[in-house]
Amino acid sequence: MKRIMIVDDEENIRLLYKEELEEEGFVVELAKNGHEALEKLPLFRPDLITLDIKMPGMDGIETLKRIRETERDLPVVMCSAYGEYKQDFTTWASDAYVVKCADLTELKNTIRRLLGL
């Protein structure tokens, strides 16, 4: 089973993603911010991370930078309600960018593609 870490400050989003991805057969770990994600990373050892951009404290871009310092090959999907970040070159270090919406089809397809499923 592939392991996915969901990093988002919005509890409803975390729980929705967890439920939907577990139904797809993934093992899911949740983190409410970048600091928590970095603490859990070596323990959970995810195959992929979904990462919100706008979070209090350490935002997703800084979190991505820190993940890349140790995990260069770990797929990271940036997820944001703000489409304008897609043009921000600092998000280009991620493997994909998905704009949040109620329909998780694009997110699920992106995850499957990045995991080779």
C-alpha atoms as a PDB file:
ATOM      1  CA  MET A   1       0.000   0.000   0.000  1.00  0.00           C
ATOM      2  CA  LYS A   2       1.260   3.437  -0.922  1.00  0.00           C
ATOM      3  CA  ARG A   3       1.560   5.986   1.865  1.00  0.00           C
ATOM      4  CA  ILE A   4       0.412   9.596   1.495  1.00  0.00           C
ATOM      5  CA  MET A   5       0.881  12.510   3.866  1.00  0.00           C
ATOM      6  CA  ILE A   6      -1.714  15.292   3.704  1.00  0.00           C
ATOM      7  CA  VAL A   7      -0.433  18.663   4.958  1.00  0.00           C
ATOM      8  CA  ASP A   8      -3.143  21.304   5.312  1.00  0.00           C
ATOM      9  CA  ASP A   9      -4.157  23.726   8.050  1.00  0.00           C
ATOM     10  CA  GLU A  10      -7.871  23.228   7.326  1.00  0.00           C
ATOM     11  CA  GLU A  11      -9.163  20.245   9.288  1.00  0.00           C
ATOM     12  CA  ASN A  12     -12.120  19.667   6.943  1.00  0.00           C
ATOM     13  CA  ILE A  13      -9.777  19.408   3.950  1.00  0.00           C
ATOM     14  CA  ARG A  14      -7.468  17.000   5.786  1.00  0.00           C
ATOM     15  CA  LEU A  15     -10.364  14.765   6.776  1.00  0.00           C
ATOM     16  CA  LEU A  16     -11.949  14.858   3.306  1.00  0.00           C
ATOM     17  CA  TYR A  17      -8.656  13.951   1.586  1.00  0.00           C
ATOM     18  CA  LYS A  18      -8.004  11.216   4.161  1.00  0.00           C
ATOM     19  CA  GLU A  19     -11.411   9.628   3.660  1.00  0.00           C
ATOM     20  CA  GLU A  20     -11.266   9.825  -0.141  1.00  0.00           C
ATOM     21  CA  LEU A  21      -7.698   8.523  -0.410  1.00  0.00           C
ATOM     22  CA  GLU A  22      -8.229   5.702   2.069  1.00  0.00           C
ATOM     23  CA  GLU A  23     -11.189   4.604  -0.074  1.00  0.00           C
ATOM     24  CA  GLU A  24      -8.684   4.441  -2.962  1.00  0.00           C
ATOM     25  CA  GLY A  25      -6.537   2.056  -0.892  1.00  0.00           C
ATOM     26  CA  PHE A  26      -3.855   4.454   0.374  1.00  0.00           C
ATOM     27  CA  VAL A  27      -2.495   4.665   3.904  1.00  0.00           C
ATOM     28  CA  VAL A  28      -2.896   8.314   4.945  1.00  0.00           C
ATOM     29  CA  GLU A  29      -1.155  10.400   7.600  1.00  0.00           C
ATOM     30  CA  LEU A  30      -2.272  13.942   8.441  1.00  0.00           C
ATOM     31  CA  ALA A  31      -0.272  17.028   9.396  1.00  0.00           C
ATOM     32  CA  LYS A  32      -1.836  20.394  10.245  1.00  0.00           C
ATOM     33  CA  ASN A  33       1.211  22.488   9.317  1.00  0.00           C
ATOM     34  CA  GLY A  34       4.709  22.385   7.899  1.00  0.00           C
ATOM     35  CA  HIS A  35       6.422  21.876  11.254  1.00  0.00           C
ATOM     36  CA  GLU A  36       4.279  18.833  12.040  1.00  0.00           C
ATOM     37  CA  ALA A  37       4.868  17.423   8.545  1.00  0.00           C
ATOM     38  CA  LEU A  38       8.644  17.695   8.914  1.00  0.00           C
ATOM     39  CA  GLU A  39       8.464  15.972  12.313  1.00  0.00           C
ATOM     40  CA  LYS A  40       6.356  13.112  10.942  1.00  0.00           C
ATOM     41  CA  LEU A  41       8.254  12.708   7.667  1.00  0.00           C
ATOM     42  CA  PRO A  42      11.048  10.385   8.880  1.00  0.00           C
ATOM     43  CA  LEU A  43       8.621   8.301  10.965  1.00  0.00           C
ATOM     44  CA  PHE A  44       5.808   7.852   8.431  1.00  0.00           C
ATOM     45  CA  ARG A  45       8.022   7.647   5.293  1.00  0.00           C
ATOM     46  CA  PRO A  46       5.340   8.665   2.750  1.00  0.00           C
ATOM     47  CA  ASP A  47       5.464   7.772  -0.930  1.00  0.00           C
ATOM     48  CA  LEU A  48       3.875  11.155  -1.736  1.00  0.00           C
ATOM     49  CA  ILE A  49       2.909  14.389   0.036  1.00  0.00           C
ATOM     50  CA  THR A  50       0.063  16.773  -0.721  1.00  0.00           C
ATOM     51  CA  LEU A  51       0.982  20.199   0.568  1.00  0.00           C
ATOM     52  CA  ASP A  52      -1.168  23.286   1.071  1.00  0.00           C
ATOM     53  CA  ILE A  53       0.554  26.596   0.311  1.00  0.00           C
ATOM     54  CA  LYS A  54      -1.140  29.107   2.625  1.00  0.00           C
ATOM     55  CA  MET A  55      -0.651  27.902   6.199  1.00  0.00           C
ATOM     56  CA  PRO A  56       0.172  29.835   9.363  1.00  0.00           C
ATOM     57  CA  GLY A  57       3.718  29.602  10.656  1.00  0.00           C
ATOM     58  CA  MET A  58       5.693  27.780   8.001  1.00  0.00           C
ATOM     59  CA  ASP A  59       3.912  28.030   4.647  1.00  0.00           C
ATOM     60  CA  GLY A  60       3.887  25.290   2.038  1.00  0.00           C
ATOM     61  CA  ILE A  61       6.651  26.831  -0.054  1.00  0.00           C
ATOM     62  CA  GLU A  62       9.072  26.854   2.899  1.00  0.00           C
ATOM     63  CA  THR A  63       7.956  23.341   3.842  1.00  0.00           C
ATOM     64  CA  LEU A  64       8.606  22.168   0.272  1.00  0.00           C
ATOM     65  CA  LYS A  65      12.084  23.699   0.381  1.00  0.00           C
ATOM     66  CA  ARG A  66      12.884  21.844   3.602  1.00  0.00           C
ATOM     67  CA  ILE A  67      11.480  18.554   2.307  1.00  0.00           C
ATOM     68  CA  ARG A  68      13.651  18.856  -0.824  1.00  0.00           C
ATOM     69  CA  GLU A  69      16.782  19.316   1.315  1.00  0.00           C
ATOM     70  CA  THR A  70      16.546  15.678   2.426  1.00  0.00           C
ATOM     71  CA  GLU A  71      13.975  14.016   0.152  1.00  0.00           C
ATOM     72  CA  ARG A  72      14.773  15.064  -3.412  1.00  0.00           C
ATOM     73  CA  ASP A  73      12.847  12.214  -5.058  1.00  0.00           C
ATOM     74  CA  LEU A  74       9.720  12.278  -2.883  1.00  0.00           C
ATOM     75  CA  PRO A  75       6.753  13.375  -5.039  1.00  0.00           C
ATOM     76  CA  VAL A  76       5.046  16.505  -3.703  1.00  0.00           C
ATOM     77  CA  VAL A  77       1.712  17.832  -4.968  1.00  0.00           C
ATOM     78  CA  MET A  78       1.059  21.471  -4.106  1.00  0.00           C
ATOM     79  CA  CYS A  79      -2.653  21.981  -3.372  1.00  0.00           C
ATOM     80  CA  SER A  80      -4.052  25.452  -3.055  1.00  0.00           C
ATOM     81  CA  ALA A  81      -7.332  27.275  -3.427  1.00  0.00           C
ATOM     82  CA  TYR A  82      -5.298  30.011  -5.109  1.00  0.00           C
ATOM     83  CA  GLY A  83      -4.554  29.328  -8.761  1.00  0.00           C
ATOM     84  CA  GLU A  84      -2.145  32.252  -9.060  1.00  0.00           C
ATOM     85  CA  TYR A  85       0.546  30.318  -7.165  1.00  0.00           C
ATOM     86  CA  LYS A  86       0.788  27.998 -10.155  1.00  0.00           C
ATOM     87  CA  GLN A  87       2.748  30.749 -11.915  1.00  0.00           C
ATOM     88  CA  ASP A  88       5.049  31.318  -8.912  1.00  0.00           C
ATOM     89  CA  PHE A  89       8.422  29.775  -9.722  1.00  0.00           C
ATOM     90  CA  THR A  90       8.925  28.774  -6.067  1.00  0.00           C
ATOM     91  CA  THR A  91       6.190  26.134  -6.491  1.00  0.00           C
ATOM     92  CA  TRP A  92       7.981  24.617  -9.485  1.00  0.00           C
ATOM     93  CA  ALA A  93      10.107  22.458  -7.191  1.00  0.00           C
ATOM     94  CA  SER A  94       6.934  20.433  -6.615  1.00  0.00           C
ATOM     95  CA  ASP A  95       5.977  17.604  -8.946  1.00  0.00           C
ATOM     96  CA  ALA A  96       2.450  18.885  -9.584  1.00  0.00           C
ATOM     97  CA  TYR A  97       0.075  21.692  -8.698  1.00  0.00           C
ATOM     98  CA  VAL A  98      -3.636  21.122  -8.130  1.00  0.00           C
ATOM     99  CA  VAL A  99      -6.187  23.841  -7.401  1.00  0.00           C
ATOM    100  CA  LYS A 100      -8.467  22.726  -4.565  1.00  0.00           C
ATOM    101  CA  CYS A 101     -12.074  22.010  -5.412  1.00  0.00           C
ATOM    102  CA  ALA A 102     -14.878  19.781  -4.168  1.00  0.00           C
ATOM    103  CA  ASP A 103     -14.246  17.284  -6.985  1.00  0.00           C
ATOM    104  CA  LEU A 104     -11.076  15.374  -6.100  1.00  0.00           C
ATOM    105  CA  THR A 105     -10.757  13.677  -9.494  1.00  0.00           C
ATOM    106  CA  GLU A 106      -7.799  15.817 -10.601  1.00  0.00           C
ATOM    107  CA  LEU A 107      -5.992  15.273  -7.296  1.00  0.00           C
ATOM    108  CA  LYS A 108      -6.550  11.505  -7.379  1.00  0.00           C
ATOM    109  CA  ASN A 109      -5.436  11.263 -11.013  1.00  0.00           C
ATOM    110  CA  THR A 110      -2.331  13.323 -10.257  1.00  0.00           C
ATOM    111  CA  ILE A 111      -1.456  11.107  -7.293  1.00  0.00           C
ATOM    112  CA  ARG A 112      -1.921   7.926  -9.353  1.00  0.00           C
ATOM    113  CA  ARG A 113       0.230   9.354 -12.159  1.00  0.00           C
ATOM    114  CA  LEU A 114       3.061  10.378  -9.835  1.00  0.00           C
ATOM    115  CA  LEU A 115       3.015   7.006  -8.081  1.00  0.00           C
ATOM    116  CA  GLY A 116       2.920   5.121 -11.377  1.00  0.00           C
ATOM    117  CA  LEU A 117      -0.450   3.505 -10.639  1.00  0.00           C
END
